[in-house]
N, C-alpha and C. Protein backbone atom coordinates (compact mmCIF):
# COMPACT_ATOMS: atom_id res chain seq x y z
N MET A 1 79.40 81.34 -19.97
CA MET A 1 80.19 80.51 -20.48
C MET A 1 81.63 80.51 -19.99
N GLY A 2 82.47 79.30 -19.79
CA GLY A 2 83.91 79.68 -19.45
C GLY A 2 84.78 79.97 -20.22
N PRO A 3 85.98 79.74 -19.97
CA PRO A 3 87.23 80.15 -21.02
C PRO A 3 87.27 79.01 -22.20
N VAL A 4 87.53 79.65 -23.37
CA VAL A 4 87.77 78.82 -24.51
C VAL A 4 89.07 78.40 -24.70
N ASP A 5 89.50 77.48 -25.15
CA ASP A 5 90.96 76.80 -25.42
C ASP A 5 91.07 77.42 -26.93
N HIS A 6 90.17 76.90 -27.54
CA HIS A 6 90.56 76.84 -29.22
C HIS A 6 89.09 77.16 -29.84
N LEU A 7 89.18 78.24 -30.60
CA LEU A 7 87.88 78.49 -31.77
C LEU A 7 88.46 78.27 -33.09
N VAL A 8 87.52 77.59 -34.05
CA VAL A 8 87.86 77.38 -35.43
C VAL A 8 86.62 77.56 -36.25
N SER A 9 86.97 78.45 -37.31
CA SER A 9 85.95 78.81 -38.09
C SER A 9 85.99 78.33 -39.31
N THR A 10 85.01 77.31 -39.84
CA THR A 10 85.35 76.75 -41.15
C THR A 10 84.19 77.17 -42.07
N ALA A 11 83.24 78.03 -41.83
CA ALA A 11 82.33 78.28 -42.81
C ALA A 11 82.53 78.86 -44.12
N SER A 12 82.09 78.79 -45.07
CA SER A 12 82.49 79.14 -46.30
C SER A 12 80.99 79.05 -47.26
N ALA A 13 81.23 80.00 -47.97
CA ALA A 13 80.10 80.48 -49.42
C ALA A 13 80.87 80.70 -50.44
N ARG A 14 80.70 79.94 -51.52
CA ARG A 14 81.58 80.68 -52.75
C ARG A 14 80.85 81.35 -53.63
N ALA A 15 81.26 82.36 -54.21
CA ALA A 15 80.57 82.74 -55.19
C ALA A 15 81.77 82.91 -56.39
N ARG A 16 81.16 81.94 -57.59
CA ARG A 16 81.93 81.46 -58.52
C ARG A 16 81.23 82.06 -59.76
N GLY A 17 82.15 82.27 -60.51
CA GLY A 17 81.63 82.78 -61.97
C GLY A 17 82.62 83.99 -62.25
N VAL A 18 82.64 83.88 -63.74
CA VAL A 18 83.57 84.96 -64.15
C VAL A 18 83.02 86.42 -64.11
N LEU A 19 83.86 87.61 -64.17
CA LEU A 19 83.29 88.89 -63.61
C LEU A 19 81.93 89.21 -64.24
N GLY A 20 81.75 89.05 -65.41
CA GLY A 20 80.48 89.26 -65.97
C GLY A 20 79.23 88.73 -65.45
N GLU A 21 79.58 87.43 -64.80
CA GLU A 21 78.33 86.57 -64.21
C GLU A 21 78.35 86.69 -62.82
N LEU A 22 79.19 87.37 -62.17
CA LEU A 22 79.24 87.33 -60.77
C LEU A 22 77.94 87.80 -60.27
N ASP A 23 77.15 87.43 -59.57
CA ASP A 23 76.22 87.96 -58.72
C ASP A 23 76.42 88.60 -57.41
N ARG A 24 76.11 89.82 -57.43
CA ARG A 24 76.20 90.68 -56.09
C ARG A 24 76.14 89.93 -54.79
N GLY A 25 74.80 89.38 -54.79
CA GLY A 25 74.19 88.69 -53.28
C GLY A 25 75.20 87.51 -52.95
N ALA A 26 75.69 86.86 -54.11
CA ALA A 26 76.47 85.48 -53.86
C ALA A 26 77.73 86.43 -53.22
N VAL A 27 78.36 87.24 -53.86
CA VAL A 27 79.56 87.86 -53.32
C VAL A 27 79.31 88.30 -51.83
N LEU A 28 78.53 88.94 -51.75
CA LEU A 28 78.35 89.57 -50.26
C LEU A 28 78.19 88.38 -49.41
N ASN A 29 77.22 87.32 -49.82
CA ASN A 29 77.24 86.34 -48.87
C ASN A 29 78.36 85.50 -48.44
N SER A 30 79.57 85.43 -49.51
CA SER A 30 80.64 84.67 -49.50
C SER A 30 81.75 85.68 -48.42
N ILE A 31 81.49 86.96 -48.48
CA ILE A 31 82.29 87.88 -47.61
C ILE A 31 81.74 87.92 -46.50
N ASN A 32 80.24 87.67 -46.16
CA ASN A 32 79.77 87.85 -44.83
C ASN A 32 80.04 86.58 -44.18
N THR A 33 80.06 85.30 -44.95
CA THR A 33 80.24 84.17 -44.29
C THR A 33 81.74 83.79 -43.67
N LYS A 34 82.65 84.09 -44.89
CA LYS A 34 83.86 83.74 -44.74
C LYS A 34 85.11 84.80 -44.13
N VAL A 35 84.52 86.07 -43.92
CA VAL A 35 85.16 87.31 -43.65
C VAL A 35 84.62 87.99 -42.38
N LEU A 36 83.30 88.50 -42.44
CA LEU A 36 82.87 89.13 -41.55
C LEU A 36 82.17 87.97 -40.36
N GLY A 37 82.01 86.76 -40.59
CA GLY A 37 81.69 85.93 -39.63
C GLY A 37 82.50 85.77 -38.68
N PRO A 38 83.89 85.40 -39.29
CA PRO A 38 84.83 85.01 -38.32
C PRO A 38 85.33 86.47 -37.40
N LEU A 39 85.39 87.63 -38.28
CA LEU A 39 85.76 88.67 -37.63
C LEU A 39 84.68 88.96 -36.37
N MET A 40 83.36 88.59 -36.29
CA MET A 40 82.58 88.84 -35.19
C MET A 40 82.70 87.74 -34.20
N LEU A 41 83.29 86.70 -34.69
CA LEU A 41 83.48 85.44 -33.58
C LEU A 41 84.74 85.86 -32.77
N ALA A 42 85.54 86.67 -33.55
CA ALA A 42 86.80 87.00 -32.83
C ALA A 42 86.43 88.12 -31.71
N LYS A 43 85.83 89.00 -32.11
CA LYS A 43 85.28 90.35 -31.48
C LYS A 43 84.44 89.60 -30.16
N HIS A 44 83.56 88.82 -30.36
CA HIS A 44 82.60 88.30 -29.08
C HIS A 44 83.46 87.38 -28.54
N PHE A 45 84.60 86.52 -28.91
CA PHE A 45 85.07 85.31 -28.14
C PHE A 45 86.33 85.54 -27.70
N ALA A 46 86.88 86.64 -28.21
CA ALA A 46 88.44 86.95 -27.70
C ALA A 46 88.44 87.13 -26.29
N PRO A 47 87.57 87.76 -25.48
CA PRO A 47 87.99 88.00 -24.00
C PRO A 47 87.69 86.67 -23.43
N GLN A 48 87.16 85.55 -23.81
CA GLN A 48 87.06 84.32 -23.23
C GLN A 48 88.25 83.39 -23.71
N ILE A 49 89.03 83.47 -24.98
CA ILE A 49 89.99 82.65 -25.32
C ILE A 49 91.31 82.80 -24.20
N ALA A 50 91.54 81.70 -23.95
CA ALA A 50 92.94 81.56 -22.87
C ALA A 50 93.91 82.17 -23.58
N ALA A 51 94.90 82.89 -22.88
CA ALA A 51 95.88 83.77 -23.65
C ALA A 51 96.90 82.50 -24.31
N ASP A 52 96.88 81.41 -23.87
CA ASP A 52 97.71 80.11 -24.54
C ASP A 52 96.69 79.54 -25.70
N GLY A 53 95.58 80.05 -26.04
CA GLY A 53 94.38 79.60 -26.88
C GLY A 53 94.73 79.76 -28.10
N SER A 54 93.88 79.58 -28.99
CA SER A 54 94.23 79.73 -30.67
C SER A 54 92.64 79.90 -31.55
N PHE A 55 92.76 80.75 -32.35
CA PHE A 55 91.74 80.70 -33.24
C PHE A 55 92.11 80.77 -34.54
N THR A 56 91.59 79.57 -35.21
CA THR A 56 91.81 79.36 -36.75
C THR A 56 90.65 79.86 -37.76
N LEU A 57 91.13 80.52 -38.71
CA LEU A 57 90.24 80.39 -39.92
C LEU A 57 90.46 79.68 -41.00
N PHE A 58 89.78 79.23 -41.80
CA PHE A 58 90.07 78.79 -43.21
C PHE A 58 90.03 79.90 -44.59
N SER A 59 91.15 80.00 -45.02
CA SER A 59 91.35 80.64 -46.34
C SER A 59 91.14 79.74 -47.53
N GLY A 60 92.04 79.91 -48.24
CA GLY A 60 92.00 78.81 -49.32
C GLY A 60 92.74 78.89 -50.68
N VAL A 61 93.10 77.97 -51.24
CA VAL A 61 93.95 78.03 -52.48
C VAL A 61 94.08 79.24 -53.30
N ALA A 62 92.66 79.65 -53.48
CA ALA A 62 92.49 80.63 -54.64
C ALA A 62 92.81 82.00 -54.18
N ALA A 63 93.03 82.17 -53.06
CA ALA A 63 93.75 83.60 -52.53
C ALA A 63 95.25 83.79 -53.15
N PHE A 64 95.66 82.47 -53.48
CA PHE A 64 97.13 82.54 -53.97
C PHE A 64 97.44 81.67 -55.13
N LYS A 65 96.59 81.20 -55.72
CA LYS A 65 96.57 80.60 -56.99
C LYS A 65 95.12 80.99 -57.70
N PRO A 66 94.96 81.97 -58.21
CA PRO A 66 93.81 82.58 -58.76
C PRO A 66 93.39 81.74 -59.76
N ALA A 67 92.15 81.63 -60.32
CA ALA A 67 91.95 80.83 -61.73
C ALA A 67 90.71 81.53 -62.10
N VAL A 68 90.39 81.30 -63.65
CA VAL A 68 89.19 82.11 -64.23
C VAL A 68 88.04 81.56 -63.77
N GLY A 69 87.03 82.32 -63.40
CA GLY A 69 85.96 81.77 -62.76
C GLY A 69 85.78 81.67 -61.22
N TYR A 70 86.91 82.06 -60.73
CA TYR A 70 86.74 82.00 -59.11
C TYR A 70 87.43 83.22 -58.59
N LEU A 71 87.00 84.25 -59.60
CA LEU A 71 87.35 85.73 -58.67
C LEU A 71 86.49 85.88 -57.17
N GLY A 72 85.40 85.70 -56.93
CA GLY A 72 84.71 85.94 -55.74
C GLY A 72 85.41 84.96 -54.79
N VAL A 73 85.62 83.82 -55.10
CA VAL A 73 86.38 82.94 -54.17
C VAL A 73 87.77 83.42 -53.63
N ALA A 74 88.51 83.95 -54.90
CA ALA A 74 90.09 84.48 -54.71
C ALA A 74 89.73 85.54 -53.55
N ILE A 75 88.95 86.41 -53.66
CA ILE A 75 88.90 87.54 -52.96
C ILE A 75 88.58 87.58 -51.63
N THR A 76 87.78 86.45 -51.25
CA THR A 76 87.02 86.09 -50.29
C THR A 76 88.30 85.40 -49.53
N ASP A 77 88.86 84.56 -50.11
CA ASP A 77 90.07 83.85 -49.30
C ASP A 77 91.20 84.75 -48.80
N GLY A 78 91.52 85.70 -50.01
CA GLY A 78 92.66 86.78 -49.61
C GLY A 78 92.05 87.56 -48.28
N ALA A 79 90.97 87.83 -48.29
CA ALA A 79 90.35 88.73 -47.49
C ALA A 79 90.68 87.95 -46.16
N ALA A 80 90.07 86.59 -46.04
CA ALA A 80 90.25 85.85 -44.66
C ALA A 80 91.45 85.58 -44.33
N ASP A 81 92.60 85.68 -45.20
CA ASP A 81 93.96 85.27 -44.93
C ASP A 81 94.29 86.51 -44.05
N PHE A 82 93.93 87.81 -44.71
CA PHE A 82 94.60 89.07 -44.28
C PHE A 82 93.74 89.25 -42.75
N LEU A 83 92.64 88.88 -42.65
CA LEU A 83 92.00 89.09 -41.65
C LEU A 83 92.91 88.25 -40.12
N ALA A 84 93.38 86.96 -40.63
CA ALA A 84 93.72 86.28 -39.70
C ALA A 84 95.04 87.03 -39.09
N ARG A 85 95.84 87.67 -40.19
CA ARG A 85 97.14 88.23 -39.95
C ARG A 85 96.88 89.42 -39.10
N CYS A 86 95.87 90.41 -39.50
CA CYS A 86 95.52 91.31 -38.52
C CYS A 86 95.01 90.79 -37.26
N LEU A 87 94.30 89.93 -37.11
CA LEU A 87 93.90 89.37 -35.84
C LEU A 87 95.06 89.11 -34.98
N ALA A 88 95.98 88.20 -35.50
CA ALA A 88 97.03 87.96 -34.92
C ALA A 88 97.98 88.95 -34.35
N LEU A 89 97.93 90.04 -34.75
CA LEU A 89 98.47 91.42 -34.13
C LEU A 89 97.83 91.72 -32.93
N GLU A 90 96.44 91.89 -33.36
CA GLU A 90 95.68 92.47 -32.23
C GLU A 90 95.34 91.62 -31.01
N LEU A 91 95.19 90.00 -31.30
CA LEU A 91 94.75 89.40 -30.29
C LEU A 91 95.91 88.63 -29.45
N ALA A 92 97.24 88.94 -30.08
CA ALA A 92 98.38 88.73 -29.32
C ALA A 92 98.22 88.44 -27.54
N PRO A 93 98.64 87.57 -26.94
CA PRO A 93 99.20 86.32 -27.30
C PRO A 93 98.48 85.11 -27.74
N ILE A 94 97.12 85.42 -28.20
CA ILE A 94 96.29 84.50 -28.58
C ILE A 94 96.79 84.00 -29.89
N ARG A 95 97.10 82.88 -30.21
CA ARG A 95 97.62 82.23 -31.46
C ARG A 95 96.63 82.54 -32.70
N VAL A 96 96.73 83.24 -33.90
CA VAL A 96 95.53 83.27 -34.65
C VAL A 96 96.22 82.82 -36.05
N ASN A 97 95.77 81.84 -36.90
CA ASN A 97 96.22 81.10 -37.94
C ASN A 97 95.16 80.99 -39.23
N ALA A 98 95.39 80.91 -40.27
CA ALA A 98 94.53 80.68 -41.45
C ALA A 98 95.35 79.35 -41.97
N ILE A 99 94.30 78.51 -42.37
CA ILE A 99 94.63 77.42 -42.78
C ILE A 99 94.21 77.42 -44.49
N SER A 100 94.99 77.21 -45.45
CA SER A 100 94.42 77.45 -46.85
C SER A 100 94.83 75.82 -47.48
N PRO A 101 93.57 75.06 -47.46
CA PRO A 101 93.73 73.81 -47.97
C PRO A 101 93.77 74.07 -49.33
N GLY A 102 94.65 72.97 -50.11
CA GLY A 102 94.24 73.11 -51.70
C GLY A 102 93.03 72.57 -52.00
N VAL A 103 92.80 71.92 -53.18
CA VAL A 103 91.75 71.14 -53.87
C VAL A 103 91.44 69.79 -53.14
N ILE A 104 90.51 69.60 -52.71
CA ILE A 104 90.00 68.33 -52.18
C ILE A 104 89.00 67.90 -52.98
N ASP A 105 89.60 66.53 -53.69
CA ASP A 105 88.66 66.02 -54.91
C ASP A 105 87.24 65.56 -54.18
N ALA A 106 86.43 66.38 -53.87
CA ALA A 106 85.37 65.97 -53.01
C ALA A 106 83.84 66.43 -54.27
N GLY A 107 84.27 66.57 -55.29
CA GLY A 107 82.94 67.16 -56.08
C GLY A 107 82.68 68.30 -56.24
N ALA A 108 83.25 69.40 -55.23
CA ALA A 108 83.06 70.94 -55.28
C ALA A 108 83.93 71.48 -56.59
N TRP A 109 84.95 70.93 -56.88
CA TRP A 109 85.69 71.59 -58.16
C TRP A 109 85.62 70.71 -59.36
N ASP A 110 84.42 69.81 -59.62
CA ASP A 110 84.25 68.96 -60.78
C ASP A 110 84.31 69.85 -62.00
N ALA A 111 83.79 71.19 -62.01
CA ALA A 111 83.57 72.02 -63.25
C ALA A 111 85.02 72.40 -63.78
N MET A 112 85.85 72.32 -62.87
CA MET A 112 87.33 72.43 -63.51
C MET A 112 87.86 71.64 -64.45
N GLY A 113 87.29 70.33 -64.28
CA GLY A 113 87.96 69.52 -65.05
C GLY A 113 89.20 68.59 -64.28
N GLU A 114 89.62 67.75 -65.12
CA GLU A 114 90.78 67.13 -64.47
C GLU A 114 91.88 67.69 -64.58
N GLU A 115 92.10 68.33 -65.68
CA GLU A 115 93.78 69.31 -65.56
C GLU A 115 93.50 70.38 -64.92
N GLY A 116 92.33 71.02 -64.88
CA GLY A 116 92.22 72.34 -63.98
C GLY A 116 92.40 71.87 -62.57
N LYS A 117 91.89 70.57 -61.92
CA LYS A 117 92.24 70.42 -60.62
C LYS A 117 93.59 70.08 -60.42
């Protein structure tokens, strides 16, 4: 495989629930998907990303605006955001960014109700 200009990781798995209901497997799946997965992508693709290329990860609004029932999502999003900051230092001059989209009304947040969204 030749040089890579841009790499984007959008994979996500959400571990929802209040602390007493959080499932360990769901939290691990969330961390594996949104943090360790992009970390391994960076590890294996960095040598092939062009110096003026980029690597983009997705964090999420929960990292900066926590809500009850979204503890697992918040810690995963926060870790993804921090991963991007660390990779930006280590992979420079390759640009590394984290996108943190807000709530997109596509049904995933319906449990929060209209006021919560």
